[in-house]
Amino acid sequence: MASVRILYASEHHSTREIAERIGARLTAHGHEADVRALRTAPDAQDLPPADALVMGSAVHDGAWLPVAEAAVRNGAERLRGQPVWMFSVGMSAALPGPLRRRAERSVQPRIAALVDLVRPREHRRFSGVIRREHLDRKGAVLFRLLGGRYGDHRDWAAIEEWADGIAGQLDPSGP
């Protein structure tokens, strides 16, 4: 059994719920999962000790939320010394076909820089929840002009499969 810390930054609760689901799946596999919100960017020595770490953030304007980005930058050296998985929660599934495919393939330079800094075992992108009240007026107009669809676009099966894969890497012999 491994102890796993799951640290996340969420603005509208979608990323929090994904982190909680990952924690529940790891627990179901017999691991000890501790899910915590990043409220301030911890210094490297303040990152909670664990056998493994999963870090995730909502994506706004092509970047992780500032508190999550700062946590990665402050703790990068320590993070490289342990098993780490990273996930980003954006809105690509809310876009129509061609735009969705383009968004799913696009590289977000600020996130790519964090991944390069930590070199996690894997970085996964998921879609989250997008509601009208999440966007300012200009953003809502642009979203509608692009053909975006409001709603919950999380793929729970994909999230659970990813968490199950993490559990398997932590304990290859299985639960």
Protein backbone atom coordinates (compact mmCIF):
# COMPACT_ATOMS: atom_id res chain seq x y z
CA MET A 1 0.00 0.00 0.00
CA ALA A 2 1.31 3.43 -0.96
CA SER A 3 0.45 6.80 0.52
CA VAL A 4 -0.58 9.21 -2.21
CA ARG A 5 -1.12 12.95 -1.84
CA ILE A 6 -3.46 14.49 -4.37
CA LEU A 7 -3.03 18.26 -4.57
CA TYR A 8 -5.31 20.33 -6.75
CA ALA A 9 -6.30 23.89 -7.62
CA SER A 10 -9.90 24.44 -8.61
CA GLU A 11 -11.92 27.56 -9.19
CA HIS A 12 -15.40 26.15 -9.85
CA HIS A 13 -15.16 22.73 -8.11
CA SER A 14 -14.81 20.61 -11.26
CA THR A 15 -11.11 19.91 -10.67
CA ARG A 16 -11.78 19.25 -6.97
CA GLU A 17 -14.34 16.60 -7.88
CA ILE A 18 -11.91 14.98 -10.32
CA ALA A 19 -9.20 14.93 -7.62
CA GLU A 20 -11.67 13.37 -5.17
CA ARG A 21 -12.62 10.69 -7.71
CA ILE A 22 -8.95 9.88 -8.30
CA GLY A 23 -8.48 9.60 -4.54
CA ALA A 24 -11.50 7.30 -4.22
CA ARG A 25 -10.17 5.01 -6.94
CA LEU A 26 -6.73 4.83 -5.35
CA THR A 27 -8.35 4.04 -1.99
CA ALA A 28 -10.43 1.30 -3.65
CA HIS A 29 -7.13 -0.24 -4.78
CA GLY A 30 -5.87 -0.30 -1.18
CA HIS A 31 -3.75 2.85 -1.24
CA GLU A 32 -3.97 5.67 1.28
CA ALA A 33 -5.12 8.79 -0.57
CA ASP A 34 -5.06 12.27 0.94
CA VAL A 35 -6.82 14.86 -1.24
CA ARG A 36 -5.94 18.49 -0.48
CA ALA A 37 -6.69 21.84 -2.10
CA LEU A 38 -3.77 24.11 -2.85
CA ARG A 39 -4.80 27.34 -1.17
CA THR A 40 -1.32 28.87 -1.07
CA ALA A 41 1.77 27.79 -2.93
CA PRO A 42 3.79 25.64 -0.52
CA ASP A 43 7.54 25.92 -0.31
CA ALA A 44 9.34 22.75 -1.32
CA GLN A 45 9.76 21.66 2.29
CA ASP A 46 6.03 22.23 2.94
CA LEU A 47 4.87 19.75 0.30
CA PRO A 48 3.28 16.92 2.26
CA PRO A 49 5.43 13.78 2.37
CA ALA A 50 4.02 10.75 0.58
CA ASP A 51 5.13 7.78 -1.49
CA ALA A 52 3.61 9.39 -4.59
CA LEU A 53 1.97 12.63 -5.63
CA VAL A 54 -0.82 13.50 -8.05
CA MET A 55 -1.14 17.21 -8.89
CA GLY A 56 -3.85 18.85 -10.93
CA SER A 57 -5.25 22.22 -11.79
CA ALA A 58 -7.99 23.91 -13.70
CA VAL A 59 -6.68 25.55 -16.87
CA HIS A 60 -7.49 29.19 -17.50
CA ASP A 61 -6.07 31.02 -20.50
CA GLY A 62 -3.75 28.11 -21.30
CA ALA A 63 -2.16 27.93 -17.85
CA TRP A 64 -2.62 26.25 -14.49
CA LEU A 65 -4.10 28.42 -11.77
CA PRO A 66 -1.36 30.59 -10.19
CA VAL A 67 -1.29 28.72 -6.87
CA ALA A 68 -0.74 25.37 -8.63
CA GLU A 69 1.87 26.77 -10.99
CA ALA A 70 3.74 28.28 -8.04
CA ALA A 71 3.56 25.00 -6.10
CA VAL A 72 5.17 23.15 -9.02
CA ARG A 73 7.86 25.77 -9.53
CA ASN A 74 8.67 25.98 -5.80
CA GLY A 75 8.80 22.22 -5.35
CA ALA A 76 10.16 21.06 -8.71
CA GLU A 77 13.42 19.63 -7.39
CA ARG A 78 11.64 17.61 -4.71
CA LEU A 79 8.88 16.57 -7.10
CA ARG A 80 11.42 15.11 -9.53
CA GLY A 81 12.62 12.83 -6.73
CA GLN A 82 9.35 10.93 -6.34
CA PRO A 83 6.64 9.35 -8.48
CA VAL A 84 4.42 12.19 -9.73
CA TRP A 85 1.41 12.30 -12.04
CA MET A 86 -0.11 15.56 -13.28
CA PHE A 87 -3.50 16.42 -14.73
CA SER A 88 -5.03 19.51 -16.29
CA VAL A 89 -8.74 20.29 -16.50
CA GLY A 90 -9.88 22.42 -19.41
CA MET A 91 -12.85 22.71 -21.72
CA SER A 92 -11.86 21.06 -25.01
CA ALA A 93 -14.85 18.68 -24.96
CA ALA A 94 -17.18 21.69 -24.85
CA LEU A 95 -16.01 22.77 -28.30
CA PRO A 96 -17.42 21.53 -31.63
CA GLY A 97 -15.59 18.75 -33.52
CA PRO A 98 -12.78 20.47 -35.45
CA LEU A 99 -12.04 22.96 -32.68
CA ARG A 100 -12.12 20.17 -30.08
CA ARG A 101 -9.60 18.10 -32.01
CA ARG A 102 -7.35 21.12 -32.46
CA ALA A 103 -7.58 22.01 -28.76
CA GLU A 104 -6.82 18.42 -27.74
CA ARG A 105 -3.66 18.41 -29.89
CA SER A 106 -2.48 21.88 -29.01
CA VAL A 107 0.49 22.46 -26.74
CA GLN A 108 -0.08 24.94 -23.95
CA PRO A 109 3.43 26.36 -23.40
CA ARG A 110 3.04 27.30 -19.73
CA ILE A 111 1.69 23.85 -18.85
CA ALA A 112 4.32 22.14 -21.01
CA ALA A 113 7.00 24.08 -19.09
CA LEU A 114 5.65 22.72 -15.78
CA VAL A 115 5.61 19.19 -17.15
CA ASP A 116 9.19 19.61 -18.40
CA LEU A 117 10.22 20.94 -14.99
CA VAL A 118 8.80 18.00 -13.02
CA ARG A 119 9.01 15.19 -15.59
CA PRO A 120 5.99 13.32 -14.19
CA ARG A 121 5.29 9.73 -15.07
CA GLU A 122 2.33 11.08 -17.02
CA HIS A 123 0.41 14.28 -17.65
CA ARG A 124 -3.22 13.83 -18.62
CA ARG A 125 -5.73 16.38 -19.88
CA PHE A 126 -9.40 16.11 -18.95
CA SER A 127 -12.40 18.26 -19.72
CA GLY A 128 -14.37 19.76 -16.89
CA VAL A 129 -17.57 21.69 -16.33
CA ILE A 130 -18.28 24.97 -18.10
CA ARG A 131 -21.25 27.12 -17.16
CA ARG A 132 -22.29 30.57 -18.36
CA GLU A 133 -21.49 32.11 -14.96
CA HIS A 134 -17.87 30.88 -15.27
CA LEU A 135 -17.20 33.35 -18.09
CA ASP A 136 -17.20 37.10 -18.23
CA ARG A 137 -19.39 38.74 -20.87
CA LYS A 138 -16.67 38.83 -23.53
CA GLY A 139 -15.70 35.21 -22.84
CA ALA A 140 -19.34 34.05 -23.02
CA VAL A 141 -19.85 35.78 -26.39
CA LEU A 142 -16.67 34.24 -27.81
CA PHE A 143 -17.57 30.81 -26.41
CA ARG A 144 -20.98 30.90 -28.12
CA LEU A 145 -19.51 32.21 -31.39
CA LEU A 146 -17.13 29.25 -31.40
CA GLY A 147 -20.08 26.90 -30.97
CA GLY A 148 -19.21 25.92 -27.41
CA ARG A 149 -21.66 23.92 -25.30
CA TYR A 150 -22.15 24.60 -21.63
CA GLY A 151 -22.38 21.63 -19.29
CA ASP A 152 -20.48 18.87 -17.54
CA HIS A 153 -18.00 17.38 -20.02
CA ARG A 154 -16.04 15.19 -17.62
CA ASP A 155 -15.36 11.67 -18.87
CA TRP A 156 -15.57 9.78 -15.58
CA ALA A 157 -14.65 6.46 -17.20
CA ALA A 158 -11.40 7.94 -18.57
CA ILE A 159 -10.61 9.58 -15.22
CA GLU A 160 -11.19 6.31 -13.35
CA GLU A 161 -9.14 4.35 -15.90
CA TRP A 162 -6.26 6.78 -15.43
CA ALA A 163 -6.48 6.50 -11.63
CA ASP A 164 -6.58 2.71 -11.92
CA GLY A 165 -3.40 2.89 -14.01
CA ILE A 166 -1.71 4.95 -11.33
CA ALA A 167 -2.77 2.40 -8.71
CA GLY A 168 -1.33 -0.38 -10.84
CA GLN A 169 2.00 1.41 -11.16
CA LEU A 170 2.14 1.92 -7.40
CA ASP A 171 1.47 -1.74 -6.72
CA PRO A 172 1.98 -3.88 -9.84
CA SER A 173 0.87 -7.01 -7.96
CA GLY A 174 -2.67 -5.57 -7.70
CA PRO A 175 -4.97 -5.08 -4.70
